[in-house]
């Protein structure tokens, strides 16, 4: 770590975090082969969560951004369109792993 820690500056940190988030969105849009059920199963969040978190943060700031609008922003298209193009049926193993992961999320809130 250097003495010049850019993360110590709140404005710079926010800009860096926003840029990293935009990069994450680009990555997820390009990796449509990665299913939401797998993201949920291994990481405890998915594209829907990111869209919902945008909605919740906007609401906390007194702004209006619907869940569907947040999800559309994350997907780069409507959720229904993404599902029709990319979503595969989930296996029972994927669903079981997701259920275990969701239970772990309760400790994070």
PDB file of N, CA and C in Angstrom:
ATOM      1  N   UNK A   1       0.842  -1.175   0.000  1.00  0.00           N
ATOM      2  CA  UNK A   1       0.000   0.000   0.000  1.00  0.00           C
ATOM      3  C   UNK A   1       0.888   1.239   0.000  1.00  0.00           C
ATOM      4  N   UNK A   2       0.496   2.217  -0.780  1.00  0.00           N
ATOM      5  CA  UNK A   2       1.260   3.453  -0.839  1.00  0.00           C
ATOM      6  C   UNK A   2       0.669   4.475   0.115  1.00  0.00           C
ATOM      7  N   UNK A   3       1.446   5.524   0.370  1.00  0.00           N
ATOM      8  CA  UNK A   3       0.952   6.597   1.228  1.00  0.00           C
ATOM      9  C   UNK A   3      -0.172   7.381   0.550  1.00  0.00           C
ATOM     10  N   UNK A   4      -0.180   7.357  -0.778  1.00  0.00           N
ATOM     11  CA  UNK A   4      -1.185   8.084  -1.544  1.00  0.00           C
ATOM     12  C   UNK A   4      -2.353   7.145  -1.839  1.00  0.00           C
ATOM     13  N   UNK A   5      -3.178   6.889  -0.846  1.00  0.00           N
ATOM     14  CA  UNK A   5      -4.289   5.956  -0.988  1.00  0.00           C
ATOM     15  C   UNK A   5      -5.503   6.682  -1.569  1.00  0.00           C
ATOM     16  N   UNK A   6      -5.786   6.431  -2.852  1.00  0.00           N
ATOM     17  CA  UNK A   6      -6.903   7.115  -3.516  1.00  0.00           C
ATOM     18  C   UNK A   6      -8.241   6.711  -2.916  1.00  0.00           C
ATOM     19  N   UNK A   7      -8.287   5.551  -2.269  1.00  0.00           N
ATOM     20  CA  UNK A   7      -9.551   5.124  -1.667  1.00  0.00           C
ATOM     21  C   UNK A   7      -9.887   5.894  -0.397  1.00  0.00           C
ATOM     22  N   UNK A   8      -8.923   6.624   0.142  1.00  0.00           N
ATOM     23  CA  UNK A   8      -9.175   7.426   1.336  1.00  0.00           C
ATOM     24  C   UNK A   8     -10.007   8.666   1.001  1.00  0.00           C
ATOM     25  N   UNK A   9      -9.991   9.087  -0.251  1.00  0.00           N
ATOM     26  CA  UNK A   9     -10.769  10.250  -0.684  1.00  0.00           C
ATOM     27  C   UNK A   9     -12.166   9.765  -1.063  1.00  0.00           C
ATOM     28  N   UNK A  10     -13.206  10.166  -0.305  1.00  0.00           N
ATOM     29  CA  UNK A  10     -14.561   9.654  -0.572  1.00  0.00           C
ATOM     30  C   UNK A  10     -15.048   9.902  -1.999  1.00  0.00           C
ATOM     31  N   UNK A  11     -14.747  11.045  -2.572  1.00  0.00           N
ATOM     32  CA  UNK A  11     -15.211  11.349  -3.929  1.00  0.00           C
ATOM     33  C   UNK A  11     -14.522  10.450  -4.953  1.00  0.00           C
ATOM     34  N   UNK A  12     -13.222  10.264  -4.798  1.00  0.00           N
ATOM     35  CA  UNK A  12     -12.498   9.383  -5.718  1.00  0.00           C
ATOM     36  C   UNK A  12     -12.936   7.930  -5.550  1.00  0.00           C
ATOM     37  N   UNK A  13     -13.127   7.524  -4.301  1.00  0.00           N
ATOM     38  CA  UNK A  13     -13.574   6.157  -4.042  1.00  0.00           C
ATOM     39  C   UNK A  13     -14.926   5.908  -4.711  1.00  0.00           C
ATOM     40  N   UNK A  14     -15.836   6.865  -4.600  1.00  0.00           N
ATOM     41  CA  UNK A  14     -17.148   6.706  -5.213  1.00  0.00           C
ATOM     42  C   UNK A  14     -17.037   6.614  -6.733  1.00  0.00           C
ATOM     43  N   UNK A  15     -16.173   7.418  -7.325  1.00  0.00           N
ATOM     44  CA  UNK A  15     -15.966   7.351  -8.782  1.00  0.00           C
ATOM     45  C   UNK A  15     -15.387   6.005  -9.189  1.00  0.00           C
ATOM     46  N   UNK A  16     -14.425   5.512  -8.414  1.00  0.00           N
ATOM     47  CA  UNK A  16     -13.825   4.209  -8.709  1.00  0.00           C
ATOM     48  C   UNK A  16     -14.842   3.080  -8.556  1.00  0.00           C
ATOM     49  N   UNK A  17     -15.632   3.144  -7.488  1.00  0.00           N
ATOM     50  CA  UNK A  17     -16.652   2.118  -7.269  1.00  0.00           C
ATOM     51  C   UNK A  17     -17.688   2.135  -8.389  1.00  0.00           C
ATOM     52  N   UNK A  18     -18.085   3.333  -8.823  1.00  0.00           N
ATOM     53  CA  UNK A  18     -19.056   3.444  -9.919  1.00  0.00           C
ATOM     54  C   UNK A  18     -18.472   2.869 -11.212  1.00  0.00           C
ATOM     55  N   UNK A  19     -17.210   3.159 -11.482  1.00  0.00           N
ATOM     56  CA  UNK A  19     -16.560   2.625 -12.681  1.00  0.00           C
ATOM     57  C   UNK A  19     -16.456   1.101 -12.604  1.00  0.00           C
ATOM     58  N   UNK A  20     -16.128   0.580 -11.436  1.00  0.00           N
ATOM     59  CA  UNK A  20     -16.039  -0.870 -11.264  1.00  0.00           C
ATOM     60  C   UNK A  20     -17.416  -1.515 -11.445  1.00  0.00           C
ATOM     61  N   UNK A  21     -18.465  -0.871 -10.964  1.00  0.00           N
ATOM     62  CA  UNK A  21     -19.819  -1.386 -11.130  1.00  0.00           C
ATOM     63  C   UNK A  21     -20.196  -1.420 -12.613  1.00  0.00           C
ATOM     64  N   UNK A  22     -19.877  -0.348 -13.339  1.00  0.00           N
ATOM     65  CA  UNK A  22     -20.179  -0.321 -14.773  1.00  0.00           C
ATOM     66  C   UNK A  22     -19.429  -1.442 -15.486  1.00  0.00           C
ATOM     67  N   UNK A  23     -18.208  -1.678 -15.064  1.00  0.00           N
ATOM     68  CA  UNK A  23     -17.424  -2.766 -15.646  1.00  0.00           C
ATOM     69  C   UNK A  23     -18.040  -4.133 -15.328  1.00  0.00           C
ATOM     70  N   UNK A  24     -18.549  -4.295 -14.120  1.00  0.00           N
ATOM     71  CA  UNK A  24     -19.237  -5.531 -13.745  1.00  0.00           C
ATOM     72  C   UNK A  24     -20.460  -5.746 -14.630  1.00  0.00           C
ATOM     73  N   UNK A  25     -21.233  -4.683 -14.870  1.00  0.00           N
ATOM     74  CA  UNK A  25     -22.404  -4.800 -15.735  1.00  0.00           C
ATOM     75  C   UNK A  25     -22.003  -5.235 -17.139  1.00  0.00           C
ATOM     76  N   UNK A  26     -20.968  -4.635 -17.681  1.00  0.00           N
ATOM     77  CA  UNK A  26     -20.482  -5.013 -19.010  1.00  0.00           C
ATOM     78  C   UNK A  26     -20.065  -6.473 -19.019  1.00  0.00           C
ATOM     79  N   UNK A  27     -19.353  -6.884 -17.996  1.00  0.00           N
ATOM     80  CA  UNK A  27     -18.901  -8.264 -17.881  1.00  0.00           C
ATOM     81  C   UNK A  27     -20.089  -9.225 -17.856  1.00  0.00           C
ATOM     82  N   UNK A  28     -21.091  -8.937 -17.029  1.00  0.00           N
ATOM     83  CA  UNK A  28     -22.256  -9.813 -16.927  1.00  0.00           C
ATOM     84  C   UNK A  28     -23.055  -9.843 -18.226  1.00  0.00           C
ATOM     85  N   UNK A  29     -23.110  -8.714 -18.930  1.00  0.00           N
ATOM     86  CA  UNK A  29     -23.832  -8.691 -20.207  1.00  0.00           C
ATOM     87  C   UNK A  29     -23.100  -9.533 -21.253  1.00  0.00           C
ATOM     88  N   UNK A  30     -21.774  -9.504 -21.211  1.00  0.00           N
ATOM     89  CA  UNK A  30     -20.993 -10.289 -22.166  1.00  0.00           C
ATOM     90  C   UNK A  30     -20.964 -11.770 -21.804  1.00  0.00           C
ATOM     91  N   UNK A  31     -21.160 -12.091 -20.540  1.00  0.00           N
ATOM     92  CA  UNK A  31     -21.125 -13.481 -20.088  1.00  0.00           C
ATOM     93  C   UNK A  31     -22.538 -13.991 -19.844  1.00  0.00           C
ATOM     94  N   UNK A  32     -23.359 -13.908 -20.880  1.00  0.00           N
ATOM     95  CA  UNK A  32     -24.735 -14.381 -20.764  1.00  0.00           C
ATOM     96  C   UNK A  32     -24.797 -15.896 -20.581  1.00  0.00           C
ATOM     97  N   UNK A  33     -23.665 -16.580 -20.783  1.00  0.00           N
ATOM     98  CA  UNK A  33     -23.622 -18.021 -20.542  1.00  0.00           C
ATOM     99  C   UNK A  33     -23.661 -18.348 -19.052  1.00  0.00           C
ATOM    100  N   UNK A  34     -23.352 -17.379 -18.221  1.00  0.00           N
ATOM    101  CA  UNK A  34     -23.394 -17.587 -16.771  1.00  0.00           C
ATOM    102  C   UNK A  34     -24.829 -17.351 -16.310  1.00  0.00           C
ATOM    103  N   UNK A  35     -25.440 -18.403 -15.820  1.00  0.00           N
ATOM    104  CA  UNK A  35     -26.836 -18.354 -15.422  1.00  0.00           C
ATOM    105  C   UNK A  35     -27.006 -17.674 -14.060  1.00  0.00           C
ATOM    106  N   UNK A  36     -28.122 -16.982 -13.884  1.00  0.00           N
ATOM    107  CA  UNK A  36     -28.426 -16.343 -12.600  1.00  0.00           C
ATOM    108  C   UNK A  36     -28.472 -17.361 -11.462  1.00  0.00           C
ATOM    109  N   UNK A  37     -28.999 -18.544 -11.723  1.00  0.00           N
ATOM    110  CA  UNK A  37     -29.091 -19.556 -10.673  1.00  0.00           C
ATOM    111  C   UNK A  37     -27.691 -19.936 -10.183  1.00  0.00           C
ATOM    112  N   UNK A  38     -26.693 -19.929 -11.075  1.00  0.00           N
ATOM    113  CA  UNK A  38     -25.321 -20.230 -10.669  1.00  0.00           C
ATOM    114  C   UNK A  38     -24.709 -19.062  -9.894  1.00  0.00           C
ATOM    115  N   UNK A  39     -24.973 -17.844 -10.348  1.00  0.00           N
ATOM    116  CA  UNK A  39     -24.498 -16.680  -9.589  1.00  0.00           C
ATOM    117  C   UNK A  39     -25.062 -16.704  -8.173  1.00  0.00           C
ATOM    118  N   UNK A  40     -26.357 -16.997  -8.070  1.00  0.00           N
ATOM    119  CA  UNK A  40     -26.993 -17.070  -6.751  1.00  0.00           C
ATOM    120  C   UNK A  40     -26.432 -18.218  -5.925  1.00  0.00           C
ATOM    121  N   UNK A  41     -26.234 -19.357  -6.573  1.00  0.00           N
ATOM    122  CA  UNK A  41     -25.766 -20.540  -5.862  1.00  0.00           C
ATOM    123  C   UNK A  41     -24.364 -20.391  -5.311  1.00  0.00           C
ATOM    124  N   UNK A  42     -23.494 -19.754  -6.065  1.00  0.00           N
ATOM    125  CA  UNK A  42     -22.104 -19.632  -5.633  1.00  0.00           C
ATOM    126  C   UNK A  42     -21.811 -18.303  -4.954  1.00  0.00           C
ATOM    127  N   UNK A  43     -22.453 -17.222  -5.397  1.00  0.00           N
ATOM    128  CA  UNK A  43     -22.115 -15.903  -4.865  1.00  0.00           C
ATOM    129  C   UNK A  43     -23.173 -15.269  -3.978  1.00  0.00           C
ATOM    130  N   UNK A  44     -24.382 -15.814  -4.015  1.00  0.00           N
ATOM    131  CA  UNK A  44     -25.434 -15.260  -3.182  1.00  0.00           C
ATOM    132  C   UNK A  44     -26.098 -14.020  -3.754  1.00  0.00           C
ATOM    133  N   UNK A  45     -25.821 -13.717  -5.016  1.00  0.00           N
ATOM    134  CA  UNK A  45     -26.476 -12.597  -5.692  1.00  0.00           C
ATOM    135  C   UNK A  45     -26.505 -12.904  -7.181  1.00  0.00           C
ATOM    136  N   UNK A  46     -27.353 -12.187  -7.905  1.00  0.00           N
ATOM    137  CA  UNK A  46     -27.432 -12.368  -9.354  1.00  0.00           C
ATOM    138  C   UNK A  46     -27.759 -11.025 -10.008  1.00  0.00           C
ATOM    139  N   UNK A  47     -28.011 -11.073 -11.277  1.00  0.00           N
ATOM    140  CA  UNK A  47     -28.353  -9.854 -12.013  1.00  0.00           C
ATOM    141  C   UNK A  47     -29.599  -9.188 -11.424  1.00  0.00           C
ATOM    142  N   UNK A  48     -30.594 -10.003 -11.055  1.00  0.00           N
ATOM    143  CA  UNK A  48     -31.810  -9.435 -10.459  1.00  0.00           C
ATOM    144  C   UNK A  48     -31.480  -8.677  -9.185  1.00  0.00           C
ATOM    145  N   UNK A  49     -30.607  -9.252  -8.368  1.00  0.00           N
ATOM    146  CA  UNK A  49     -30.222  -8.587  -7.112  1.00  0.00           C
ATOM    147  C   UNK A  49     -29.613  -7.221  -7.390  1.00  0.00           C
ATOM    148  N   UNK A  50     -28.713  -7.163  -8.357  1.00  0.00           N
ATOM    149  CA  UNK A  50     -28.078  -5.876  -8.671  1.00  0.00           C
ATOM    150  C   UNK A  50     -29.119  -4.843  -9.086  1.00  0.00           C
ATOM    151  N   UNK A  51     -30.069  -5.253  -9.917  1.00  0.00           N
ATOM    152  CA  UNK A  51     -31.141  -4.336 -10.318  1.00  0.00           C
ATOM    153  C   UNK A  51     -31.999  -3.916  -9.143  1.00  0.00           C
ATOM    154  N   UNK A  52     -32.294  -4.883  -8.262  1.00  0.00           N
ATOM    155  CA  UNK A  52     -33.090  -4.570  -7.074  1.00  0.00           C
ATOM    156  C   UNK A  52     -32.334  -3.642  -6.136  1.00  0.00           C
ATOM    157  N   UNK A  53     -31.019  -3.840  -6.019  1.00  0.00           N
ATOM    158  CA  UNK A  53     -30.214  -2.964  -5.162  1.00  0.00           C
ATOM    159  C   UNK A  53     -30.193  -1.544  -5.710  1.00  0.00           C
ATOM    160  N   UNK A  54     -30.153  -1.396  -7.039  1.00  0.00           N
ATOM    161  CA  UNK A  54     -30.261  -0.055  -7.630  1.00  0.00           C
ATOM    162  C   UNK A  54     -31.588   0.585  -7.234  1.00  0.00           C
ATOM    163  N   UNK A  55     -32.661  -0.176  -7.364  1.00  0.00           N
ATOM    164  CA  UNK A  55     -33.996   0.304  -6.982  1.00  0.00           C
ATOM    165  C   UNK A  55     -34.013   0.731  -5.506  1.00  0.00           C
ATOM    166  N   UNK A  56     -33.496  -0.122  -4.631  1.00  0.00           N
ATOM    167  CA  UNK A  56     -33.523   0.161  -3.197  1.00  0.00           C
ATOM    168  C   UNK A  56     -32.679   1.383  -2.836  1.00  0.00           C
ATOM    169  N   UNK A  57     -31.515   1.527  -3.461  1.00  0.00           N
ATOM    170  CA  UNK A  57     -30.661   2.691  -3.179  1.00  0.00           C
ATOM    171  C   UNK A  57     -31.305   3.975  -3.688  1.00  0.00           C
ATOM    172  N   UNK A  58     -31.948   3.912  -4.849  1.00  0.00           N
ATOM    173  CA  UNK A  58     -32.655   5.087  -5.359  1.00  0.00           C
ATOM    174  C   UNK A  58     -33.769   5.478  -4.401  1.00  0.00           C
ATOM    175  N   UNK A  59     -34.511   4.483  -3.945  1.00  0.00           N
ATOM    176  CA  UNK A  59     -35.598   4.728  -2.996  1.00  0.00           C
ATOM    177  C   UNK A  59     -35.072   5.359  -1.707  1.00  0.00           C
ATOM    178  N   UNK A  60     -33.940   4.866  -1.216  1.00  0.00           N
ATOM    179  CA  UNK A  60     -33.346   5.408   0.012  1.00  0.00           C
ATOM    180  C   UNK A  60     -32.919   6.860  -0.172  1.00  0.00           C
ATOM    181  N   UNK A  61     -32.616   7.253  -1.420  1.00  0.00           N
ATOM    182  CA  UNK A  61     -32.222   8.632  -1.713  1.00  0.00           C
ATOM    183  C   UNK A  61     -33.417   9.499  -2.078  1.00  0.00           C
ATOM    184  N   UNK A  62     -34.624   8.920  -1.994  1.00  0.00           N
ATOM    185  CA  UNK A  62     -35.824   9.678  -2.347  1.00  0.00           C
ATOM    186  C   UNK A  62     -36.047   9.799  -3.835  1.00  0.00           C
ATOM    187  N   UNK A  63     -35.428   8.907  -4.621  1.00  0.00           N
ATOM    188  CA  UNK A  63     -35.558   8.930  -6.070  1.00  0.00           C
ATOM    189  C   UNK A  63     -36.488   7.811  -6.515  1.00  0.00           C
ATOM    190  N   UNK A  64     -37.044   7.963  -7.697  1.00  0.00           N
ATOM    191  CA  UNK A  64     -37.941   6.952  -8.232  1.00  0.00           C
ATOM    192  C   UNK A  64     -37.221   6.146  -9.298  1.00  0.00           C
ATOM    193  N   UNK A  65     -37.029   4.867  -9.019  1.00  0.00           N
ATOM    194  CA  UNK A  65     -36.479   3.924  -9.976  1.00  0.00           C
ATOM    195  C   UNK A  65     -37.126   2.582  -9.664  1.00  0.00           C
ATOM    196  N   UNK A  66     -37.991   2.139 -10.553  1.00  0.00           N
ATOM    197  CA  UNK A  66     -38.690   0.883 -10.323  1.00  0.00           C
ATOM    198  C   UNK A  66     -37.759  -0.321 -10.389  1.00  0.00           C
ATOM    199  N   UNK A  67     -38.186  -1.434  -9.781  1.00  0.00           N
ATOM    200  CA  UNK A  67     -37.396  -2.670  -9.841  1.00  0.00           C
ATOM    201  C   UNK A  67     -37.154  -3.086 -11.290  1.00  0.00           C
ATOM    202  N   UNK A  68     -38.184  -3.017 -12.115  1.00  0.00           N
ATOM    203  CA  UNK A  68     -38.026  -3.410 -13.514  1.00  0.00           C
ATOM    204  C   UNK A  68     -37.015  -2.515 -14.228  1.00  0.00           C
ATOM    205  N   UNK A  69     -37.050  -1.222 -13.910  1.00  0.00           N
ATOM    206  CA  UNK A  69     -36.084  -0.301 -14.515  1.00  0.00           C
ATOM    207  C   UNK A  69     -34.663  -0.630 -14.082  1.00  0.00           C
ATOM    208  N   UNK A  70     -34.489  -0.943 -12.806  1.00  0.00           N
ATOM    209  CA  UNK A  70     -33.167  -1.319 -12.304  1.00  0.00           C
ATOM    210  C   UNK A  70     -32.668  -2.585 -12.967  1.00  0.00           C
ATOM    211  N   UNK A  71     -33.540  -3.574 -13.080  1.00  0.00           N
ATOM    212  CA  UNK A  71     -33.148  -4.836 -13.702  1.00  0.00           C
ATOM    213  C   UNK A  71     -32.842  -4.647 -15.188  1.00  0.00           C
ATOM    214  N   UNK A  72     -33.646  -3.852 -15.873  1.00  0.00           N
ATOM    215  CA  UNK A  72     -33.387  -3.585 -17.289  1.00  0.00           C
ATOM    216  C   UNK A  72     -32.026  -2.929 -17.462  1.00  0.00           C
ATOM    217  N   UNK A  73     -31.672  -2.037 -16.567  1.00  0.00           N
ATOM    218  CA  UNK A  73     -30.361  -1.396 -16.636  1.00  0.00           C
ATOM    219  C   UNK A  73     -29.244  -2.431 -16.487  1.00  0.00           C
ATOM    220  N   UNK A  74     -29.402  -3.340 -15.563  1.00  0.00           N
ATOM    221  CA  UNK A  74     -28.381  -4.363 -15.334  1.00  0.00           C
ATOM    222  C   UNK A  74     -28.281  -5.313 -16.525  1.00  0.00           C
ATOM    223  N   UNK A  75     -29.411  -5.792 -17.010  1.00  0.00           N
ATOM    224  CA  UNK A  75     -29.419  -6.747 -18.114  1.00  0.00           C
ATOM    225  C   UNK A  75     -29.037  -6.120 -19.456  1.00  0.00           C
ATOM    226  N   UNK A  76     -29.291  -4.821 -19.603  1.00  0.00           N
ATOM    227  CA  UNK A  76     -29.097  -4.185 -20.905  1.00  0.00           C
ATOM    228  C   UNK A  76     -30.273  -4.451 -21.839  1.00  0.00           C
ATOM    229  N   UNK A  77     -31.333  -5.025 -21.298  1.00  0.00           N
ATOM    230  CA  UNK A  77     -32.586  -5.336 -21.996  1.00  0.00           C
ATOM    231  C   UNK A  77     -33.576  -5.712 -20.905  1.00  0.00           C
ATOM    232  N   UNK A  78     -34.814  -5.954 -21.266  1.00  0.00           N
ATOM    233  CA  UNK A  78     -35.757  -6.362 -20.228  1.00  0.00           C
ATOM    234  C   UNK A  78     -35.354  -7.746 -19.708  1.00  0.00           C
ATOM    235  N   UNK A  79     -35.763  -8.017 -18.484  1.00  0.00           N
ATOM    236  CA  UNK A  79     -35.479  -9.325 -17.889  1.00  0.00           C
ATOM    237  C   UNK A  79     -36.128 -10.431 -18.720  1.00  0.00           C
ATOM    238  N   UNK A  80     -37.336 -10.203 -19.185  1.00  0.00           N
ATOM    239  CA  UNK A  80     -38.039 -11.204 -19.992  1.00  0.00           C
ATOM    240  C   UNK A  80     -37.283 -11.499 -21.284  1.00  0.00           C
ATOM    241  N   UNK A  81     -36.766 -10.456 -21.919  1.00  0.00           N
ATOM    242  CA  UNK A  81     -36.000 -10.650 -23.153  1.00  0.00           C
ATOM    243  C   UNK A  81     -34.716 -11.439 -22.873  1.00  0.00           C
ATOM    244  N   UNK A  82     -34.041 -11.111 -21.780  1.00  0.00           N
ATOM    245  CA  UNK A  82     -32.816 -11.829 -21.418  1.00  0.00           C
ATOM    246  C   UNK A  82     -33.120 -13.305 -21.164  1.00  0.00           C
ATOM    247  N   UNK A  83     -34.193 -13.556 -20.414  1.00  0.00           N
ATOM    248  CA  UNK A  83     -34.572 -14.938 -20.103  1.00  0.00           C
ATOM    249  C   UNK A  83     -34.863 -15.718 -21.393  1.00  0.00           C
ATOM    250  N   UNK A  84     -35.586 -15.110 -22.313  1.00  0.00           N
ATOM    251  CA  UNK A  84     -35.924 -15.791 -23.563  1.00  0.00           C
ATOM    252  C   UNK A  84     -34.677 -16.091 -24.392  1.00  0.00           C
ATOM    253  N   UNK A  85     -33.710 -15.211 -24.345  1.00  0.00           N
ATOM    254  CA  UNK A  85     -32.492 -15.385 -25.142  1.00  0.00           C
ATOM    255  C   UNK A  85     -31.469 -16.314 -24.485  1.00  0.00           C
ATOM    256  N   UNK A  86     -31.351 -16.240 -23.143  1.00  0.00           N
ATOM    257  CA  UNK A  86     -30.191 -16.844 -22.498  1.00  0.00           C
ATOM    258  C   UNK A  86     -30.470 -17.839 -21.382  1.00  0.00           C
ATOM    259  N   UNK A  87     -31.635 -17.772 -20.761  1.00  0.00           N
ATOM    260  CA  UNK A  87     -31.836 -18.601 -19.572  1.00  0.00           C
ATOM    261  C   UNK A  87     -32.161 -20.046 -19.940  1.00  0.00           C
ATOM    262  N   UNK A  88     -31.462 -20.953 -19.287  1.00  0.00           N
ATOM    263  CA  UNK A  88     -31.680 -22.384 -19.471  1.00  0.00           C
ATOM    264  C   UNK A  88     -32.451 -22.923 -18.269  1.00  0.00           C
ATOM    265  N   UNK A  89     -33.108 -24.057 -18.418  1.00  0.00           N
ATOM    266  CA  UNK A  89     -33.776 -24.658 -17.255  1.00  0.00           C
ATOM    267  C   UNK A  89     -32.748 -24.996 -16.173  1.00  0.00           C
ATOM    268  N   UNK A  90     -33.111 -24.752 -14.932  1.00  0.00           N
ATOM    269  CA  UNK A  90     -32.209 -25.025 -13.810  1.00  0.00           C
ATOM    270  C   UNK A  90     -32.309 -26.486 -13.414  1.00  0.00           C
ATOM    271  N   UNK A  91     -31.168 -27.061 -13.092  1.00  0.00           N
ATOM    272  CA  UNK A  91     -31.158 -28.436 -12.590  1.00  0.00           C
ATOM    273  C   UNK A  91     -31.509 -28.423 -11.102  1.00  0.00           C
ATOM    274  N   UNK A  92     -31.853 -29.585 -10.589  1.00  0.00           N
ATOM    275  CA  UNK A  92     -32.159 -29.672  -9.156  1.00  0.00           C
ATOM    276  C   UNK A  92     -30.928 -29.331  -8.325  1.00  0.00           C
ATOM    277  N   UNK A  93     -29.749 -29.717  -8.791  1.00  0.00           N
ATOM    278  CA  UNK A  93     -28.506 -29.397  -8.065  1.00  0.00           C
ATOM    279  C   UNK A  93     -28.299 -27.879  -8.002  1.00  0.00           C
ATOM    280  N   UNK A  94     -28.569 -27.177  -9.093  1.00  0.00           N
ATOM    281  CA  UNK A  94     -28.442 -25.716  -9.102  1.00  0.00           C
ATOM    282  C   UNK A  94     -29.436 -25.093  -8.123  1.00  0.00           C
ATOM    283  N   UNK A  95     -30.664 -25.578  -8.146  1.00  0.00           N
ATOM    284  CA  UNK A  95     -31.693 -25.045  -7.256  1.00  0.00           C
ATOM    285  C   UNK A  95     -31.360 -25.312  -5.789  1.00  0.00           C
ATOM    286  N   UNK A  96     -30.829 -26.493  -5.499  1.00  0.00           N
ATOM    287  CA  UNK A  96     -30.442 -26.818  -4.117  1.00  0.00           C
ATOM    288  C   UNK A  96     -29.307 -25.927  -3.645  1.00  0.00           C
ATOM    289  N   UNK A  97     -28.299 -25.720  -4.512  1.00  0.00           N
ATOM    290  CA  UNK A  97     -27.160 -24.854  -4.160  1.00  0.00           C
ATOM    291  C   UNK A  97     -27.648 -23.426  -3.933  1.00  0.00           C
ATOM    292  N   UNK A  98     -28.584 -22.958  -4.756  1.00  0.00           N
ATOM    293  CA  UNK A  98     -29.123 -21.610  -4.600  1.00  0.00           C
ATOM    294  C   UNK A  98     -29.864 -21.489  -3.264  1.00  0.00           C
ATOM    295  N   UNK A  99     -30.643 -22.491  -2.911  1.00  0.00           N
ATOM    296  CA  UNK A  99     -31.379 -22.462  -1.641  1.00  0.00           C
ATOM    297  C   UNK A  99     -30.411 -22.382  -0.464  1.00  0.00           C
ATOM    298  N   UNK A 100     -29.326 -23.145  -0.519  1.00  0.00           N
ATOM    299  CA  UNK A 100     -28.314 -23.077   0.550  1.00  0.00           C
ATOM    300  C   UNK A 100     -27.682 -21.692   0.617  1.00  0.00           C
ATOM    301  N   UNK A 101     -27.408 -21.129  -0.546  1.00  0.00           N
ATOM    302  CA  UNK A 101     -26.792 -19.807  -0.605  1.00  0.00           C
ATOM    303  C   UNK A 101     -27.730 -18.734  -0.057  1.00  0.00           C
ATOM    304  N   UNK A 102     -29.009 -18.826  -0.407  1.00  0.00           N
ATOM    305  CA  UNK A 102     -29.978 -17.853   0.107  1.00  0.00           C
ATOM    306  C   UNK A 102     -30.074 -17.910   1.621  1.00  0.00           C
ATOM    307  N   UNK A 103     -29.969 -19.111   2.184  1.00  0.00           N
ATOM    308  CA  UNK A 103     -29.989 -19.244   3.641  1.00  0.00           C
ATOM    309  C   UNK A 103     -28.782 -18.536   4.258  1.00  0.00           C
ATOM    310  N   UNK A 104     -27.630 -18.626   3.601  1.00  0.00           N
ATOM    311  CA  UNK A 104     -26.434 -17.940   4.095  1.00  0.00           C
ATOM    312  C   UNK A 104     -26.600 -16.420   4.010  1.00  0.00           C
ATOM    313  N   UNK A 105     -27.369 -15.942   3.026  1.00  0.00           N
ATOM    314  CA  UNK A 105     -27.575 -14.508   2.882  1.00  0.00           C
ATOM    315  C   UNK A 105     -28.267 -13.887   4.095  1.00  0.00           C
ATOM    316  N   UNK A 106     -29.047 -14.656   4.798  1.00  0.00           N
ATOM    317  CA  UNK A 106     -29.755 -14.125   5.975  1.00  0.00           C
ATOM    318  C   UNK A 106     -28.779 -13.588   7.012  1.00  0.00           C
ATOM    319  N   UNK A 107     -27.594 -14.167   7.090  1.00  0.00           N
ATOM    320  CA  UNK A 107     -26.577 -13.710   8.057  1.00  0.00           C
ATOM    321  C   UNK A 107     -25.898 -12.418   7.600  1.00  0.00           C
ATOM    322  N   UNK A 108     -26.030 -12.099   6.319  1.00  0.00           N
ATOM    323  CA  UNK A 108     -25.344 -10.930   5.761  1.00  0.00           C
ATOM    324  C   UNK A 108     -26.152  -9.655   5.908  1.00  0.00           C
ATOM    325  N   UNK A 109     -27.430  -9.768   6.051  1.00  0.00           N
ATOM    326  CA  UNK A 109     -28.304  -8.584   6.065  1.00  0.00           C
ATOM    327  C   UNK A 109     -28.133  -7.790   7.263  1.00  0.00           C
TER     328      UNK A 109
END
